[in-house]
Amino acid sequence: MSKAMYSTEEVADLLGLHVRTVRGYVRDGLLPAVRIAKQYRIAHEDLAAFTAGRATPPAGAPAGPPRVEVSAIVQIGPIGRDAMNRLTTLVTGAAAAREDADGQLHVQFVYDQDRAGLKVIVIGDAGRAAKVLTLISALTGEQP
């Protein structure tokens, strides 16, 4: 029968790690432990969950999958003012169409009239950003 509680030294020996590494995992909340006097004690169940990659997240950590965001700058040129107005209107409309509450997307445009160049800055949800980038590609006639 396995022990109910382990010291950080015992966990370090079992996992082949330095004891400071184990203490760091405990301090960072990656490995749950109880502090008794000046020593940490790790429950067998918590150690098993940690080694199986199922450690409970630290207190206050958000639940669910991580949020993925994209930052992209698209440079288009040369492009005339009329084409720029049409493109920015269509892209703004597409970016404003909300598919869900979590999919935030911000799009900004910078037009340099002297160089006839347009920069499109896209920041936000990866899926929605991909759709906007595909739209820009289609509107500019770029072949994939």
C-alpha atoms as a PDB file:
ATOM      1  CA  MET A   1       0.000   0.000   0.000  1.00  0.00           C
ATOM      2  CA  SER A   2       1.368   3.443  -0.906  1.00  0.00           C
ATOM      3  CA  LYS A   3       1.943   6.249   1.571  1.00  0.00           C
ATOM      4  CA  ALA A   4      -0.813   8.765   2.156  1.00  0.00           C
ATOM      5  CA  MET A   5       1.521  11.809   2.297  1.00  0.00           C
ATOM      6  CA  TYR A   6       4.970  12.515   0.845  1.00  0.00           C
ATOM      7  CA  SER A   7       7.597  15.113   1.690  1.00  0.00           C
ATOM      8  CA  THR A   8       9.061  17.274  -1.064  1.00  0.00           C
ATOM      9  CA  GLU A   9      12.294  15.284  -0.786  1.00  0.00           C
ATOM     10  CA  GLU A  10      10.435  11.999  -1.317  1.00  0.00           C
ATOM     11  CA  VAL A  11       8.539  13.428  -4.305  1.00  0.00           C
ATOM     12  CA  ALA A  12      11.814  14.696  -5.773  1.00  0.00           C
ATOM     13  CA  ASP A  13      13.337  11.218  -5.428  1.00  0.00           C
ATOM     14  CA  LEU A  14      10.276   9.530  -6.937  1.00  0.00           C
ATOM     15  CA  LEU A  15      10.170  11.888  -9.933  1.00  0.00           C
ATOM     16  CA  GLY A  16      13.919  12.253 -10.409  1.00  0.00           C
ATOM     17  CA  LEU A  17      13.762  16.009  -9.827  1.00  0.00           C
ATOM     18  CA  HIS A  18      15.667  18.412  -7.627  1.00  0.00           C
ATOM     19  CA  VAL A  19      13.870  19.191  -4.376  1.00  0.00           C
ATOM     20  CA  ARG A  20      13.884  22.914  -5.259  1.00  0.00           C
ATOM     21  CA  THR A  21      11.961  22.120  -8.450  1.00  0.00           C
ATOM     22  CA  VAL A  22       9.284  20.297  -6.451  1.00  0.00           C
ATOM     23  CA  ARG A  23       9.048  23.170  -3.972  1.00  0.00           C
ATOM     24  CA  GLY A  24       8.677  25.552  -6.906  1.00  0.00           C
ATOM     25  CA  TYR A  25       5.783  23.466  -8.269  1.00  0.00           C
ATOM     26  CA  VAL A  26       4.138  23.658  -4.854  1.00  0.00           C
ATOM     27  CA  ARG A  27       4.681  27.421  -4.495  1.00  0.00           C
ATOM     28  CA  ASP A  28       3.345  28.029  -8.028  1.00  0.00           C
ATOM     29  CA  GLY A  29       0.232  26.004  -7.256  1.00  0.00           C
ATOM     30  CA  LEU A  30       0.978  23.306  -9.839  1.00  0.00           C
ATOM     31  CA  LEU A  31       1.341  20.589  -7.208  1.00  0.00           C
ATOM     32  CA  PRO A  32      -1.157  20.818  -4.334  1.00  0.00           C
ATOM     33  CA  ALA A  33       0.413  20.462  -0.876  1.00  0.00           C
ATOM     34  CA  VAL A  34      -0.252  21.139   2.773  1.00  0.00           C
ATOM     35  CA  ARG A  35       2.282  23.022   4.861  1.00  0.00           C
ATOM     36  CA  ILE A  36       2.960  21.401   8.219  1.00  0.00           C
ATOM     37  CA  ALA A  37       5.381  23.416  10.365  1.00  0.00           C
ATOM     38  CA  LYS A  38       8.155  24.309   7.894  1.00  0.00           C
ATOM     39  CA  GLN A  39       7.629  21.403   5.492  1.00  0.00           C
ATOM     40  CA  TYR A  40       5.258  20.666   2.654  1.00  0.00           C
ATOM     41  CA  ARG A  41       3.326  17.404   2.528  1.00  0.00           C
ATOM     42  CA  ILE A  42       1.889  16.141  -0.742  1.00  0.00           C
ATOM     43  CA  ALA A  43      -1.066  13.748  -0.781  1.00  0.00           C
ATOM     44  CA  HIS A  44      -0.713  10.553  -2.808  1.00  0.00           C
ATOM     45  CA  GLU A  45      -3.793  11.461  -4.891  1.00  0.00           C
ATOM     46  CA  ASP A  46      -2.379  14.908  -5.740  1.00  0.00           C
ATOM     47  CA  LEU A  47       0.963  13.387  -6.736  1.00  0.00           C
ATOM     48  CA  ALA A  48      -0.795  10.807  -8.914  1.00  0.00           C
ATOM     49  CA  ALA A  49      -2.852  13.534 -10.607  1.00  0.00           C
ATOM     50  CA  PHE A  50       0.252  15.687 -11.115  1.00  0.00           C
ATOM     51  CA  THR A  51       2.263  12.880 -12.694  1.00  0.00           C
ATOM     52  CA  ALA A  52      -0.665  11.909 -14.915  1.00  0.00           C
ATOM     53  CA  GLY A  53      -0.859  15.482 -16.222  1.00  0.00           C
ATOM     54  CA  ARG A  54      -4.215  16.048 -14.559  1.00  0.00           C
ATOM     55  CA  ALA A  55      -3.099  18.350 -11.785  1.00  0.00           C
ATOM     56  CA  THR A  56      -5.805  20.646 -10.553  1.00  0.00           C
ATOM     57  CA  PRO A  57      -5.303  24.219 -11.755  1.00  0.00           C
ATOM     58  CA  PRO A  58      -4.067  26.762  -9.225  1.00  0.00           C
ATOM     59  CA  ALA A  59      -6.682  28.671  -7.276  1.00  0.00           C
ATOM     60  CA  GLY A  60      -8.059  31.529  -9.318  1.00  0.00           C
ATOM     61  CA  ALA A  61      -6.989  30.016 -12.641  1.00  0.00           C
ATOM     62  CA  PRO A  62      -9.637  30.270 -15.355  1.00  0.00           C
ATOM     63  CA  ALA A  63     -11.481  27.095 -16.219  1.00  0.00           C
ATOM     64  CA  GLY A  64     -11.755  25.803 -19.747  1.00  0.00           C
ATOM     65  CA  PRO A  65      -9.470  25.909 -22.735  1.00  0.00           C
ATOM     66  CA  PRO A  66      -6.959  28.723 -23.157  1.00  0.00           C
ATOM     67  CA  ARG A  67      -7.990  31.766 -25.168  1.00  0.00           C
ATOM     68  CA  VAL A  68      -6.222  32.126 -28.514  1.00  0.00           C
ATOM     69  CA  GLU A  69      -5.843  35.563 -30.051  1.00  0.00           C
ATOM     70  CA  VAL A  70      -4.237  36.831 -33.245  1.00  0.00           C
ATOM     71  CA  SER A  71      -2.495  40.091 -34.095  1.00  0.00           C
ATOM     72  CA  ALA A  72      -2.006  40.675 -37.806  1.00  0.00           C
ATOM     73  CA  ILE A  73      -1.012  43.585 -40.001  1.00  0.00           C
ATOM     74  CA  VAL A  74      -1.975  43.304 -43.646  1.00  0.00           C
ATOM     75  CA  GLN A  75      -0.327  45.703 -46.069  1.00  0.00           C
ATOM     76  CA  ILE A  76      -2.123  46.315 -49.358  1.00  0.00           C
ATOM     77  CA  GLY A  77      -0.800  48.460 -52.133  1.00  0.00           C
ATOM     78  CA  PRO A  78      -1.032  50.085 -54.461  1.00  0.00           C
ATOM     79  CA  ILE A  79      -4.748  50.610 -53.936  1.00  0.00           C
ATOM     80  CA  GLY A  80      -6.865  53.551 -55.067  1.00  0.00           C
ATOM     81  CA  ARG A  81      -9.114  55.525 -52.759  1.00  0.00           C
ATOM     82  CA  ASP A  82     -12.342  54.054 -54.191  1.00  0.00           C
ATOM     83  CA  ALA A  83     -11.096  50.482 -53.838  1.00  0.00           C
ATOM     84  CA  MET A  84      -9.849  51.291 -50.332  1.00  0.00           C
ATOM     85  CA  ASN A  85     -13.267  52.676 -49.336  1.00  0.00           C
ATOM     86  CA  ARG A  86     -15.044  49.569 -50.690  1.00  0.00           C
ATOM     87  CA  LEU A  87     -12.621  47.185 -48.969  1.00  0.00           C
ATOM     88  CA  THR A  88     -12.752  48.952 -45.586  1.00  0.00           C
ATOM     89  CA  THR A  89     -16.560  49.078 -45.679  1.00  0.00           C
ATOM     90  CA  LEU A  90     -16.867  45.350 -46.410  1.00  0.00           C
ATOM     91  CA  VAL A  91     -14.232  44.337 -43.863  1.00  0.00           C
ATOM     92  CA  THR A  92     -15.751  46.573 -41.174  1.00  0.00           C
ATOM     93  CA  GLY A  93     -19.153  44.981 -41.790  1.00  0.00           C
ATOM     94  CA  ALA A  94     -17.727  41.480 -41.610  1.00  0.00           C
ATOM     95  CA  ALA A  95     -15.816  42.264 -38.411  1.00  0.00           C
ATOM     96  CA  ALA A  96     -18.928  43.760 -36.794  1.00  0.00           C
ATOM     97  CA  ALA A  97     -21.026  40.631 -37.429  1.00  0.00           C
ATOM     98  CA  ARG A  98     -20.822  38.771 -34.126  1.00  0.00           C
ATOM     99  CA  GLU A  99     -21.000  35.009 -34.199  1.00  0.00           C
ATOM    100  CA  ASP A 100     -20.663  34.585 -30.447  1.00  0.00           C
ATOM    101  CA  ALA A 101     -20.083  36.638 -27.324  1.00  0.00           C
ATOM    102  CA  ASP A 102     -16.491  35.440 -26.798  1.00  0.00           C
ATOM    103  CA  GLY A 103     -15.219  36.137 -30.312  1.00  0.00           C
ATOM    104  CA  GLN A 104     -14.016  39.727 -29.926  1.00  0.00           C
ATOM    105  CA  LEU A 105     -12.383  41.243 -33.011  1.00  0.00           C
ATOM    106  CA  HIS A 106     -10.890  44.693 -33.542  1.00  0.00           C
ATOM    107  CA  VAL A 107     -10.021  45.980 -37.007  1.00  0.00           C
ATOM    108  CA  GLN A 108      -8.339  49.299 -37.794  1.00  0.00           C
ATOM    109  CA  PHE A 109      -7.296  50.839 -41.095  1.00  0.00           C
ATOM    110  CA  VAL A 110      -4.500  53.250 -41.990  1.00  0.00           C
ATOM    111  CA  TYR A 111      -4.414  54.665 -45.518  1.00  0.00           C
ATOM    112  CA  ASP A 112      -1.326  56.443 -46.886  1.00  0.00           C
ATOM    113  CA  GLN A 113      -2.597  58.505 -49.808  1.00  0.00           C
ATOM    114  CA  ASP A 114       0.887  59.484 -51.018  1.00  0.00           C
ATOM    115  CA  ARG A 115       1.941  55.851 -51.392  1.00  0.00           C
ATOM    116  CA  ALA A 116      -1.557  54.525 -52.165  1.00  0.00           C
ATOM    117  CA  GLY A 117      -1.042  51.938 -49.420  1.00  0.00           C
ATOM    118  CA  LEU A 118      -3.510  50.533 -46.912  1.00  0.00           C
ATOM    119  CA  LYS A 119      -2.622  48.819 -43.668  1.00  0.00           C
ATOM    120  CA  VAL A 120      -5.269  46.679 -41.997  1.00  0.00           C
ATOM    121  CA  ILE A 121      -4.662  45.813 -38.334  1.00  0.00           C
ATOM    122  CA  VAL A 122      -6.605  42.794 -37.064  1.00  0.00           C
ATOM    123  CA  ILE A 123      -6.561  41.854 -33.371  1.00  0.00           C
ATOM    124  CA  GLY A 124      -8.743  39.268 -31.642  1.00  0.00           C
ATOM    125  CA  ASP A 125     -10.230  35.789 -31.812  1.00  0.00           C
ATOM    126  CA  ALA A 126      -8.210  33.492 -34.092  1.00  0.00           C
ATOM    127  CA  GLY A 127     -11.212  32.013 -35.906  1.00  0.00           C
ATOM    128  CA  ARG A 128     -12.833  35.352 -36.680  1.00  0.00           C
ATOM    129  CA  ALA A 129      -9.483  36.905 -37.633  1.00  0.00           C
ATOM    130  CA  ALA A 130      -8.908  34.065 -40.100  1.00  0.00           C
ATOM    131  CA  LYS A 131     -12.279  34.771 -41.721  1.00  0.00           C
ATOM    132  CA  VAL A 132     -11.487  38.481 -42.040  1.00  0.00           C
ATOM    133  CA  LEU A 133      -8.058  37.713 -43.518  1.00  0.00           C
ATOM    134  CA  THR A 134      -9.678  35.331 -46.019  1.00  0.00           C
ATOM    135  CA  LEU A 135     -12.154  38.064 -46.956  1.00  0.00           C
ATOM    136  CA  ILE A 136      -9.344  40.581 -47.485  1.00  0.00           C
ATOM    137  CA  SER A 137      -7.554  38.049 -49.668  1.00  0.00           C
ATOM    138  CA  ALA A 138     -10.671  37.476 -51.758  1.00  0.00           C
ATOM    139  CA  LEU A 139     -11.456  41.195 -52.101  1.00  0.00           C
ATOM    140  CA  THR A 140      -7.946  42.030 -53.256  1.00  0.00           C
ATOM    141  CA  GLY A 141      -7.923  39.191 -55.783  1.00  0.00           C
ATOM    142  CA  GLU A 142      -4.988  37.429 -54.150  1.00  0.00           C
ATOM    143  CA  GLN A 143      -4.676  33.778 -55.123  1.00  0.00           C
ATOM    144  CA  PRO A 144      -3.968  31.322 -52.279  1.00  0.00           C
END
